[in-house]
């Protein structure tokens, strides 16, 4: 029997949607799979287009470019959706544009 990765509930404030995000998946991957038009460009943690504010919950960040997310932004509760994997149920708001 295949081991299914645990998933967490991710609430996206911009669209008022709640999606499932596996622990081995980034928030951006889960949002796109759910049909959400989440803003992103590079998806590799270098451009900052998917910068989001973590309203609640915890994530772990994959390697990323230092220019895309500064220590000050991290202290302010910001994260990169393309590099963030959920470690708990969480609530997130993308910052780059208004929901379409």
N, C-alpha and C. Protein backbone atom coordinates (compact mmCIF):
# COMPACT_ATOMS: atom_id res chain seq x y z
N UNK A 1 0.85 -1.18 0.00
CA UNK A 1 0.00 0.00 0.00
C UNK A 1 0.89 1.24 0.00
N UNK A 2 0.60 2.17 -0.89
CA UNK A 2 1.41 3.39 -1.00
C UNK A 2 1.15 4.30 0.19
N UNK A 3 2.21 4.92 0.64
CA UNK A 3 2.07 5.89 1.74
C UNK A 3 1.60 7.22 1.16
N UNK A 4 0.50 7.71 1.64
CA UNK A 4 0.00 9.00 1.16
C UNK A 4 0.55 10.09 2.06
N UNK A 5 1.13 11.13 1.44
CA UNK A 5 1.65 12.21 2.29
C UNK A 5 0.51 12.90 3.03
N UNK A 6 0.79 13.32 4.22
CA UNK A 6 -0.19 14.07 5.01
C UNK A 6 -0.47 15.40 4.31
N UNK A 7 -1.67 15.87 4.46
CA UNK A 7 -1.94 17.18 3.88
C UNK A 7 -2.53 18.10 4.94
N UNK A 8 -2.43 19.39 4.65
CA UNK A 8 -2.95 20.41 5.55
C UNK A 8 -3.96 21.26 4.79
N UNK A 9 -4.82 21.91 5.55
CA UNK A 9 -5.79 22.83 4.95
C UNK A 9 -5.13 24.21 4.81
N UNK A 10 -5.20 24.74 3.60
CA UNK A 10 -4.64 26.06 3.33
C UNK A 10 -5.79 26.98 2.93
N UNK A 11 -5.97 28.04 3.70
CA UNK A 11 -7.00 29.02 3.38
C UNK A 11 -6.33 30.17 2.64
N UNK A 12 -6.82 30.46 1.43
CA UNK A 12 -6.27 31.56 0.63
C UNK A 12 -7.24 32.73 0.77
N UNK A 13 -6.79 33.75 1.50
CA UNK A 13 -7.65 34.88 1.84
C UNK A 13 -8.16 35.58 0.58
N UNK A 14 -7.30 35.74 -0.43
CA UNK A 14 -7.67 36.50 -1.62
C UNK A 14 -8.89 35.93 -2.33
N UNK A 15 -9.01 34.60 -2.35
CA UNK A 15 -10.11 33.96 -3.08
C UNK A 15 -11.13 33.33 -2.13
N UNK A 16 -10.86 33.41 -0.82
CA UNK A 16 -11.73 32.81 0.19
C UNK A 16 -11.93 31.32 -0.06
N UNK A 17 -10.88 30.65 -0.57
CA UNK A 17 -10.96 29.21 -0.81
C UNK A 17 -10.09 28.47 0.18
N UNK A 18 -10.49 27.25 0.50
CA UNK A 18 -9.70 26.36 1.35
C UNK A 18 -9.31 25.17 0.49
N UNK A 19 -8.02 24.91 0.39
CA UNK A 19 -7.53 23.81 -0.42
C UNK A 19 -6.71 22.87 0.44
N UNK A 20 -6.50 21.66 -0.06
CA UNK A 20 -5.61 20.71 0.61
C UNK A 20 -4.22 20.87 -0.01
N UNK A 21 -3.21 20.88 0.84
CA UNK A 21 -1.83 20.97 0.37
C UNK A 21 -1.03 19.89 1.07
N UNK A 22 -0.48 18.95 0.28
CA UNK A 22 0.32 17.87 0.85
C UNK A 22 1.60 18.44 1.44
N UNK A 23 2.15 17.74 2.42
CA UNK A 23 3.37 18.23 3.08
C UNK A 23 4.57 18.22 2.13
N UNK A 24 4.49 17.46 1.02
CA UNK A 24 5.59 17.43 0.06
C UNK A 24 5.31 18.30 -1.16
N UNK A 25 4.34 19.19 -1.02
CA UNK A 25 3.91 20.07 -2.10
C UNK A 25 4.04 21.51 -1.62
N UNK A 26 4.34 22.43 -2.55
CA UNK A 26 4.37 23.83 -2.14
C UNK A 26 2.95 24.39 -2.20
N UNK A 27 2.74 25.50 -1.51
CA UNK A 27 1.44 26.15 -1.53
C UNK A 27 1.07 26.53 -2.96
N UNK A 28 2.04 27.03 -3.72
CA UNK A 28 1.77 27.40 -5.11
C UNK A 28 1.33 26.19 -5.93
N UNK A 29 2.00 25.06 -5.80
CA UNK A 29 1.62 23.85 -6.56
C UNK A 29 0.19 23.43 -6.22
N UNK A 30 -0.15 23.46 -4.94
CA UNK A 30 -1.48 23.06 -4.52
C UNK A 30 -2.54 24.03 -5.04
N UNK A 31 -2.23 25.33 -5.00
CA UNK A 31 -3.18 26.34 -5.48
C UNK A 31 -3.44 26.17 -6.98
N UNK A 32 -2.38 25.99 -7.76
CA UNK A 32 -2.54 25.81 -9.20
C UNK A 32 -3.32 24.53 -9.50
N UNK A 33 -3.02 23.46 -8.77
CA UNK A 33 -3.74 22.19 -8.96
C UNK A 33 -5.22 22.35 -8.65
N UNK A 34 -5.54 23.28 -7.72
CA UNK A 34 -6.94 23.52 -7.35
C UNK A 34 -7.61 24.53 -8.28
N UNK A 35 -6.88 25.01 -9.28
CA UNK A 35 -7.47 25.94 -10.24
C UNK A 35 -7.46 27.39 -9.80
N UNK A 36 -6.65 27.71 -8.80
CA UNK A 36 -6.57 29.09 -8.31
C UNK A 36 -5.51 29.85 -9.11
N UNK A 37 -5.86 31.04 -9.53
CA UNK A 37 -4.95 31.88 -10.33
C UNK A 37 -3.99 32.61 -9.40
N UNK A 38 -3.12 31.85 -8.74
CA UNK A 38 -2.17 32.42 -7.78
C UNK A 38 -1.06 33.13 -8.56
N UNK A 39 -0.70 34.34 -8.18
CA UNK A 39 0.35 35.04 -8.94
C UNK A 39 1.72 34.41 -8.75
N UNK A 40 2.39 34.12 -9.85
CA UNK A 40 3.76 33.61 -9.80
C UNK A 40 4.42 33.86 -11.14
N UNK A 41 5.73 33.78 -11.18
CA UNK A 41 6.46 33.92 -12.43
C UNK A 41 7.47 32.80 -12.55
N UNK A 42 8.51 32.81 -11.70
CA UNK A 42 9.60 31.84 -11.89
C UNK A 42 9.33 30.48 -11.26
N UNK A 43 8.58 30.46 -10.16
CA UNK A 43 8.29 29.23 -9.39
C UNK A 43 9.56 28.57 -8.84
N UNK A 44 10.66 29.30 -8.77
CA UNK A 44 11.91 28.75 -8.24
C UNK A 44 12.48 29.58 -7.09
N UNK A 45 11.70 30.53 -6.58
CA UNK A 45 12.15 31.30 -5.42
C UNK A 45 13.13 32.40 -5.73
N UNK A 46 13.08 32.94 -6.95
CA UNK A 46 14.03 33.98 -7.31
C UNK A 46 13.42 35.33 -7.66
N UNK A 47 12.12 35.38 -7.98
CA UNK A 47 11.58 36.65 -8.48
C UNK A 47 10.72 37.41 -7.47
N UNK A 48 10.12 36.72 -6.51
CA UNK A 48 9.30 37.39 -5.51
C UNK A 48 7.86 37.66 -5.93
N UNK A 49 7.45 37.24 -7.13
CA UNK A 49 6.08 37.50 -7.59
C UNK A 49 5.04 36.86 -6.67
N UNK A 50 5.36 35.69 -6.12
CA UNK A 50 4.39 34.97 -5.28
C UNK A 50 4.53 35.30 -3.79
N UNK A 51 5.24 36.39 -3.47
CA UNK A 51 5.38 36.77 -2.07
C UNK A 51 4.01 36.89 -1.42
N UNK A 52 3.86 36.26 -0.28
CA UNK A 52 2.59 36.19 0.42
C UNK A 52 2.81 36.42 1.90
N UNK A 53 1.74 36.84 2.58
CA UNK A 53 1.81 37.02 4.02
C UNK A 53 1.18 35.80 4.68
N UNK A 54 1.92 35.18 5.55
CA UNK A 54 1.42 34.05 6.32
C UNK A 54 0.62 34.61 7.49
N UNK A 55 -0.71 34.47 7.41
CA UNK A 55 -1.59 35.05 8.44
C UNK A 55 -1.64 34.14 9.67
N UNK A 56 -1.55 32.84 9.44
CA UNK A 56 -1.61 31.87 10.53
C UNK A 56 -0.98 30.58 10.05
N UNK A 57 -0.39 29.83 10.97
CA UNK A 57 0.18 28.54 10.62
C UNK A 57 1.69 28.61 10.40
N UNK A 58 2.26 27.46 10.02
CA UNK A 58 3.71 27.35 9.85
C UNK A 58 4.03 26.71 8.50
N UNK A 59 5.15 27.16 7.92
CA UNK A 59 5.64 26.56 6.68
C UNK A 59 7.13 26.28 6.83
N UNK A 60 7.64 25.41 5.97
CA UNK A 60 9.10 25.28 5.85
C UNK A 60 9.43 25.75 4.44
N UNK A 61 10.54 26.46 4.31
CA UNK A 61 10.92 27.03 3.03
C UNK A 61 12.01 26.22 2.36
N UNK A 62 11.81 25.93 1.08
CA UNK A 62 12.83 25.30 0.26
C UNK A 62 13.89 26.35 -0.08
N UNK A 63 15.04 25.94 -0.60
CA UNK A 63 16.07 26.92 -0.99
C UNK A 63 15.50 27.96 -1.97
N UNK A 64 15.96 29.21 -1.80
CA UNK A 64 15.44 30.31 -2.62
C UNK A 64 16.52 31.36 -2.78
N UNK A 65 16.29 32.30 -3.66
CA UNK A 65 17.21 33.41 -3.84
C UNK A 65 17.04 34.42 -2.73
N UNK A 66 18.13 34.89 -2.15
CA UNK A 66 18.05 35.87 -1.05
C UNK A 66 17.35 37.15 -1.46
N UNK A 67 17.45 37.52 -2.73
CA UNK A 67 16.83 38.77 -3.19
C UNK A 67 15.31 38.67 -3.22
N UNK A 68 14.77 37.47 -3.34
CA UNK A 68 13.32 37.30 -3.46
C UNK A 68 12.60 37.47 -2.12
N UNK A 69 13.28 37.16 -1.02
CA UNK A 69 12.65 37.25 0.30
C UNK A 69 13.72 37.63 1.31
N UNK A 70 13.67 38.87 1.75
CA UNK A 70 14.69 39.36 2.67
C UNK A 70 14.41 38.89 4.10
N UNK A 71 15.42 38.92 4.97
CA UNK A 71 15.18 38.59 6.38
C UNK A 71 14.13 39.50 7.01
N UNK A 72 14.08 40.77 6.58
CA UNK A 72 13.08 41.69 7.12
C UNK A 72 11.67 41.23 6.71
N UNK A 73 11.52 40.79 5.46
CA UNK A 73 10.22 40.29 5.01
C UNK A 73 9.81 39.04 5.79
N UNK A 74 10.79 38.16 6.04
CA UNK A 74 10.49 36.95 6.80
C UNK A 74 10.04 37.29 8.22
N UNK A 75 10.73 38.26 8.83
CA UNK A 75 10.34 38.71 10.17
C UNK A 75 8.93 39.28 10.18
N UNK A 76 8.54 39.89 9.06
CA UNK A 76 7.21 40.49 8.94
C UNK A 76 6.15 39.43 8.60
N UNK A 77 6.54 38.17 8.57
CA UNK A 77 5.58 37.11 8.33
C UNK A 77 5.34 36.79 6.86
N UNK A 78 6.25 37.25 6.00
CA UNK A 78 6.07 36.97 4.58
C UNK A 78 6.80 35.70 4.17
N UNK A 79 6.32 35.10 3.10
CA UNK A 79 6.90 33.86 2.60
C UNK A 79 6.74 33.82 1.08
N UNK A 80 7.35 32.86 0.44
CA UNK A 80 7.20 32.66 -1.00
C UNK A 80 6.34 31.42 -1.21
N UNK A 81 5.20 31.57 -1.86
CA UNK A 81 4.28 30.44 -2.06
C UNK A 81 4.94 29.31 -2.85
N UNK A 82 5.86 29.66 -3.76
CA UNK A 82 6.50 28.63 -4.58
C UNK A 82 7.55 27.82 -3.83
N UNK A 83 7.95 28.30 -2.66
CA UNK A 83 8.99 27.61 -1.88
C UNK A 83 8.47 27.13 -0.53
N UNK A 84 7.23 27.48 -0.19
CA UNK A 84 6.70 27.17 1.13
C UNK A 84 5.89 25.88 1.11
N UNK A 85 6.27 24.96 1.99
CA UNK A 85 5.51 23.73 2.19
C UNK A 85 4.83 23.82 3.54
N UNK A 86 3.57 23.39 3.64
CA UNK A 86 2.84 23.54 4.91
C UNK A 86 3.37 22.61 5.99
N UNK A 87 3.44 23.11 7.20
CA UNK A 87 3.78 22.29 8.36
C UNK A 87 2.60 22.24 9.34
N UNK A 88 1.54 22.98 9.00
CA UNK A 88 0.31 22.98 9.79
C UNK A 88 -0.78 23.52 8.87
N UNK A 89 -2.03 23.49 9.34
CA UNK A 89 -3.07 24.20 8.61
C UNK A 89 -2.66 25.67 8.62
N UNK A 90 -2.93 26.38 7.54
CA UNK A 90 -2.48 27.76 7.51
C UNK A 90 -3.41 28.66 6.69
N UNK A 91 -3.22 29.95 6.89
CA UNK A 91 -3.96 30.98 6.18
C UNK A 91 -2.94 31.90 5.54
N UNK A 92 -3.14 32.21 4.25
CA UNK A 92 -2.14 32.97 3.50
C UNK A 92 -2.83 33.99 2.59
N UNK A 93 -2.17 35.12 2.38
CA UNK A 93 -2.66 36.16 1.48
C UNK A 93 -1.55 36.52 0.51
N UNK A 94 -1.82 36.46 -0.80
CA UNK A 94 -0.78 36.92 -1.72
C UNK A 94 -0.80 38.43 -1.77
N UNK A 95 0.38 39.02 -2.01
CA UNK A 95 0.54 40.47 -1.89
C UNK A 95 0.70 41.18 -3.22
N UNK A 96 0.95 40.46 -4.32
CA UNK A 96 1.37 41.14 -5.54
C UNK A 96 0.26 41.80 -6.33
N UNK A 97 -0.97 41.31 -6.23
CA UNK A 97 -2.05 41.95 -6.98
C UNK A 97 -3.38 41.61 -6.36
N UNK A 98 -4.37 42.41 -6.71
CA UNK A 98 -5.72 42.15 -6.21
C UNK A 98 -6.26 40.90 -6.89
N UNK A 99 -7.14 40.16 -6.23
CA UNK A 99 -7.71 38.97 -6.88
C UNK A 99 -8.50 39.38 -8.12
N UNK A 100 -8.41 38.59 -9.17
CA UNK A 100 -9.03 38.95 -10.44
C UNK A 100 -10.43 38.44 -10.60
